[in-house]
Structures are given as structure tokens and as C-alpha cells.
Amino acid sequence: PADASSMFAPPSSVACDVYASHPRLCVNLIYFVVVDVGFYLIYLLQGSTWLIDPHWQLIPVCISLFFFSHPDAGWDEGVP
């Protein structure tokens, strides 16, 4: 039998590896799950696509914060 502590441990090492090594892939996977799948399920439950409006306002900010928080993010002095 497997050790109980390893059975309930979150698979964070894979998520952290994807975040650190492949940030574009990571942000696209998150976008796919949250926006494409999540909003579609909400649309099916509510019968309305009202979430598309806040989507265009909030998602770009969240993507910017994602890349800002990346460990390899740096300041480009050439950008005003």
C-alpha cells in the first residue's frame, strides 16, 4: 500500500515546474480551464453569457499579474 502522506499530497511539484519552466503554457492552461471550460459550464447552468463582459476587463489584468509574479520577471529599462 502507498504511504498515506504521499497519497494526499498535492501534485504541486508538476504545477510549479510548469509555472517556472513554461510560463506561457501555464497561463494558457489556466486560461483554458477557467475561461473556456469554466465559463461554458456557467453558461450551461445559467443559460446566459453575461460573464463574457467582465472577462474582457479582468482576464488581461490577471495575465499581467501572472507574468509579473514569475520568478524570472525583470525590469526592462528600455521601456518608459
N, C-alpha and C. Protein backbone atom coordinates (compact mmCIF):
# COMPACT_ATOMS: atom_id res chain seq x y z
N PRO A 1 0.83 -1.20 0.00
CA PRO A 1 0.00 0.00 0.00
C PRO A 1 0.87 1.26 0.00
N ALA A 2 0.31 2.31 -0.59
CA ALA A 2 1.03 3.58 -0.65
C ALA A 2 0.99 4.27 0.71
N ASP A 3 2.00 5.06 0.94
CA ASP A 3 2.06 5.83 2.17
C ASP A 3 0.94 6.87 2.17
N ALA A 4 0.26 7.03 3.30
CA ALA A 4 -0.89 7.95 3.37
C ALA A 4 -0.48 9.39 3.11
N SER A 5 0.70 9.78 3.54
CA SER A 5 1.11 11.17 3.34
C SER A 5 1.35 11.47 1.86
N SER A 6 1.87 10.50 1.11
CA SER A 6 2.08 10.72 -0.31
C SER A 6 0.77 10.63 -1.09
N MET A 7 -0.19 9.90 -0.55
CA MET A 7 -1.47 9.75 -1.23
C MET A 7 -2.26 11.06 -1.22
N PHE A 8 -2.12 11.83 -0.14
CA PHE A 8 -2.90 13.06 -0.01
C PHE A 8 -2.08 14.31 -0.30
N ALA A 9 -0.85 14.15 -0.71
CA ALA A 9 -0.02 15.30 -1.03
C ALA A 9 -0.48 15.92 -2.35
N PRO A 10 -0.57 17.24 -2.41
CA PRO A 10 -0.99 17.87 -3.66
C PRO A 10 0.08 17.73 -4.73
N PRO A 11 -0.33 17.62 -5.98
CA PRO A 11 0.65 17.48 -7.07
C PRO A 11 1.24 18.83 -7.44
N SER A 12 1.72 19.57 -6.45
CA SER A 12 2.18 20.93 -6.69
C SER A 12 3.52 20.97 -7.41
N SER A 13 4.31 19.93 -7.33
CA SER A 13 5.61 19.98 -7.99
C SER A 13 5.45 20.07 -9.50
N VAL A 14 4.47 19.39 -10.06
CA VAL A 14 4.23 19.47 -11.50
C VAL A 14 3.75 20.87 -11.87
N ALA A 15 2.81 21.40 -11.10
CA ALA A 15 2.30 22.74 -11.39
C ALA A 15 3.41 23.78 -11.24
N CYS A 16 4.24 23.64 -10.24
CA CYS A 16 5.35 24.58 -10.04
C CYS A 16 6.37 24.47 -11.17
N ASP A 17 6.64 23.26 -11.62
CA ASP A 17 7.58 23.08 -12.73
C ASP A 17 7.05 23.72 -14.01
N VAL A 18 5.77 23.54 -14.29
CA VAL A 18 5.19 24.15 -15.48
C VAL A 18 5.22 25.68 -15.35
N TYR A 19 4.88 26.18 -14.16
CA TYR A 19 4.89 27.63 -13.92
C TYR A 19 6.29 28.21 -14.11
N ALA A 20 7.29 27.56 -13.55
CA ALA A 20 8.65 28.09 -13.59
C ALA A 20 9.31 27.89 -14.96
N SER A 21 9.09 26.74 -15.57
CA SER A 21 9.80 26.41 -16.81
C SER A 21 9.06 26.85 -18.07
N HIS A 22 7.74 26.83 -18.03
CA HIS A 22 6.94 27.13 -19.22
C HIS A 22 5.79 28.08 -18.86
N PRO A 23 6.09 29.35 -18.57
CA PRO A 23 5.04 30.26 -18.11
C PRO A 23 3.93 30.49 -19.14
N ARG A 24 4.27 30.53 -20.43
CA ARG A 24 3.22 30.73 -21.44
C ARG A 24 2.28 29.54 -21.50
N LEU A 25 2.83 28.35 -21.42
CA LEU A 25 1.99 27.16 -21.39
C LEU A 25 1.10 27.17 -20.16
N CYS A 26 1.66 27.53 -19.04
CA CYS A 26 0.92 27.55 -17.78
C CYS A 26 -0.25 28.54 -17.84
N VAL A 27 0.02 29.76 -18.32
CA VAL A 27 -1.05 30.76 -18.37
C VAL A 27 -2.12 30.35 -19.39
N ASN A 28 -1.73 29.69 -20.46
CA ASN A 28 -2.72 29.23 -21.43
C ASN A 28 -3.55 28.07 -20.89
N LEU A 29 -2.94 27.19 -20.11
CA LEU A 29 -3.70 26.11 -19.48
C LEU A 29 -4.71 26.66 -18.46
N ILE A 30 -4.25 27.62 -17.66
CA ILE A 30 -5.15 28.24 -16.69
C ILE A 30 -6.30 28.94 -17.41
N TYR A 31 -5.97 29.68 -18.46
CA TYR A 31 -6.99 30.37 -19.25
C TYR A 31 -8.00 29.38 -19.82
N PHE A 32 -7.50 28.28 -20.37
CA PHE A 32 -8.40 27.27 -20.95
C PHE A 32 -9.35 26.72 -19.90
N VAL A 33 -8.82 26.36 -18.74
CA VAL A 33 -9.67 25.76 -17.71
C VAL A 33 -10.67 26.77 -17.16
N VAL A 34 -10.20 27.98 -16.84
CA VAL A 34 -11.08 28.97 -16.20
C VAL A 34 -12.07 29.56 -17.20
N VAL A 35 -11.57 30.03 -18.34
CA VAL A 35 -12.43 30.75 -19.27
C VAL A 35 -13.20 29.79 -20.18
N ASP A 36 -12.50 28.95 -20.89
CA ASP A 36 -13.18 28.10 -21.86
C ASP A 36 -14.10 27.07 -21.19
N VAL A 37 -13.57 26.33 -20.26
CA VAL A 37 -14.37 25.28 -19.62
C VAL A 37 -15.27 25.87 -18.54
N GLY A 38 -14.71 26.70 -17.67
CA GLY A 38 -15.49 27.26 -16.56
C GLY A 38 -16.64 28.13 -17.00
N PHE A 39 -16.36 29.06 -17.90
CA PHE A 39 -17.44 29.94 -18.37
C PHE A 39 -18.48 29.16 -19.16
N TYR A 40 -18.06 28.14 -19.90
CA TYR A 40 -19.03 27.33 -20.63
C TYR A 40 -19.96 26.59 -19.67
N LEU A 41 -19.40 26.05 -18.60
CA LEU A 41 -20.24 25.35 -17.62
C LEU A 41 -21.21 26.33 -16.95
N ILE A 42 -20.73 27.52 -16.63
CA ILE A 42 -21.61 28.53 -16.03
C ILE A 42 -22.69 28.93 -17.03
N TYR A 43 -22.31 29.07 -18.31
CA TYR A 43 -23.29 29.37 -19.34
C TYR A 43 -24.37 28.29 -19.40
N LEU A 44 -23.97 27.03 -19.34
CA LEU A 44 -24.95 25.95 -19.38
C LEU A 44 -25.88 25.98 -18.17
N LEU A 45 -25.31 26.28 -17.00
CA LEU A 45 -26.13 26.32 -15.78
C LEU A 45 -27.08 27.51 -15.76
N GLN A 46 -26.58 28.69 -16.20
CA GLN A 46 -27.39 29.90 -16.11
C GLN A 46 -28.19 30.19 -17.38
N GLY A 47 -27.73 29.67 -18.49
CA GLY A 47 -28.40 29.98 -19.75
C GLY A 47 -28.13 31.40 -20.21
N SER A 48 -27.03 31.97 -19.75
CA SER A 48 -26.70 33.36 -20.08
C SER A 48 -25.19 33.49 -20.23
N THR A 49 -24.77 34.37 -21.12
CA THR A 49 -23.34 34.59 -21.34
C THR A 49 -22.88 35.92 -20.74
N TRP A 50 -23.47 36.33 -19.64
CA TRP A 50 -23.14 37.62 -19.03
C TRP A 50 -21.68 37.70 -18.59
N LEU A 51 -21.03 36.57 -18.33
CA LEU A 51 -19.65 36.59 -17.85
C LEU A 51 -18.64 37.02 -18.92
N ILE A 52 -19.05 37.09 -20.17
CA ILE A 52 -18.10 37.47 -21.21
C ILE A 52 -17.70 38.93 -21.05
N ASP A 53 -18.57 39.78 -20.52
CA ASP A 53 -18.23 41.20 -20.35
C ASP A 53 -17.14 41.42 -19.30
N PRO A 54 -17.28 40.89 -18.08
CA PRO A 54 -16.17 41.07 -17.14
C PRO A 54 -14.91 40.33 -17.58
N HIS A 55 -15.08 39.30 -18.39
CA HIS A 55 -13.92 38.55 -18.88
C HIS A 55 -12.94 39.47 -19.59
N TRP A 56 -13.44 40.35 -20.45
CA TRP A 56 -12.55 41.22 -21.24
C TRP A 56 -11.89 42.27 -20.37
N GLN A 57 -12.43 42.52 -19.18
CA GLN A 57 -11.85 43.50 -18.27
C GLN A 57 -10.85 42.87 -17.29
N LEU A 58 -11.16 41.69 -16.80
CA LEU A 58 -10.39 41.10 -15.70
C LEU A 58 -9.27 40.17 -16.14
N ILE A 59 -9.49 39.40 -17.18
CA ILE A 59 -8.50 38.40 -17.57
C ILE A 59 -7.17 39.04 -18.00
N PRO A 60 -7.15 40.12 -18.79
CA PRO A 60 -5.84 40.71 -19.13
C PRO A 60 -5.05 41.18 -17.90
N VAL A 61 -5.74 41.70 -16.91
CA VAL A 61 -5.08 42.13 -15.68
C VAL A 61 -4.52 40.92 -14.95
N CYS A 62 -5.29 39.84 -14.89
CA CYS A 62 -4.81 38.62 -14.23
C CYS A 62 -3.61 38.02 -14.95
N ILE A 63 -3.61 38.06 -16.28
CA ILE A 63 -2.47 37.55 -17.04
C ILE A 63 -1.24 38.40 -16.79
N SER A 64 -1.42 39.72 -16.73
CA SER A 64 -0.29 40.61 -16.43
C SER A 64 0.27 40.33 -15.04
N LEU A 65 -0.59 40.13 -14.07
CA LEU A 65 -0.13 39.81 -12.71
C LEU A 65 0.57 38.46 -12.67
N PHE A 66 0.10 37.52 -13.47
CA PHE A 66 0.75 36.21 -13.56
C PHE A 66 2.19 36.38 -14.01
N PHE A 67 2.41 37.11 -15.10
CA PHE A 67 3.78 37.29 -15.60
C PHE A 67 4.60 38.18 -14.68
N PHE A 68 3.97 39.15 -14.01
CA PHE A 68 4.69 40.00 -13.06
C PHE A 68 5.20 39.18 -11.88
N SER A 69 4.45 38.16 -11.48
CA SER A 69 4.83 37.36 -10.31
C SER A 69 5.80 36.24 -10.65
N HIS A 70 6.11 36.06 -11.92
CA HIS A 70 7.01 34.97 -12.32
C HIS A 70 8.42 35.23 -11.78
N PRO A 71 9.12 34.18 -11.31
CA PRO A 71 10.46 34.35 -10.74
C PRO A 71 11.47 34.95 -11.72
N ASP A 72 11.30 34.73 -13.01
CA ASP A 72 12.24 35.27 -14.00
C ASP A 72 11.86 36.67 -14.49
N ALA A 73 10.81 37.24 -13.94
CA ALA A 73 10.39 38.58 -14.36
C ALA A 73 11.46 39.59 -13.98
N GLY A 74 11.66 40.53 -14.86
CA GLY A 74 12.66 41.56 -14.59
C GLY A 74 12.22 42.89 -15.16
N TRP A 75 12.96 43.90 -14.83
CA TRP A 75 12.66 45.24 -15.28
C TRP A 75 13.42 45.53 -16.55
N ASP A 76 12.74 46.03 -17.56
CA ASP A 76 13.36 46.40 -18.82
C ASP A 76 13.51 47.91 -18.83
N GLU A 77 14.72 48.39 -18.73
CA GLU A 77 14.93 49.85 -18.65
C GLU A 77 14.68 50.55 -19.95
N GLY A 78 14.56 49.82 -21.05
CA GLY A 78 14.28 50.43 -22.33
C GLY A 78 12.82 50.81 -22.52
N VAL A 79 11.95 50.32 -21.66
CA VAL A 79 10.52 50.61 -21.76
C VAL A 79 10.21 51.78 -20.82
N PRO A 80 9.56 52.84 -21.35
CA PRO A 80 9.27 54.00 -20.47
C PRO A 80 8.23 53.69 -19.42
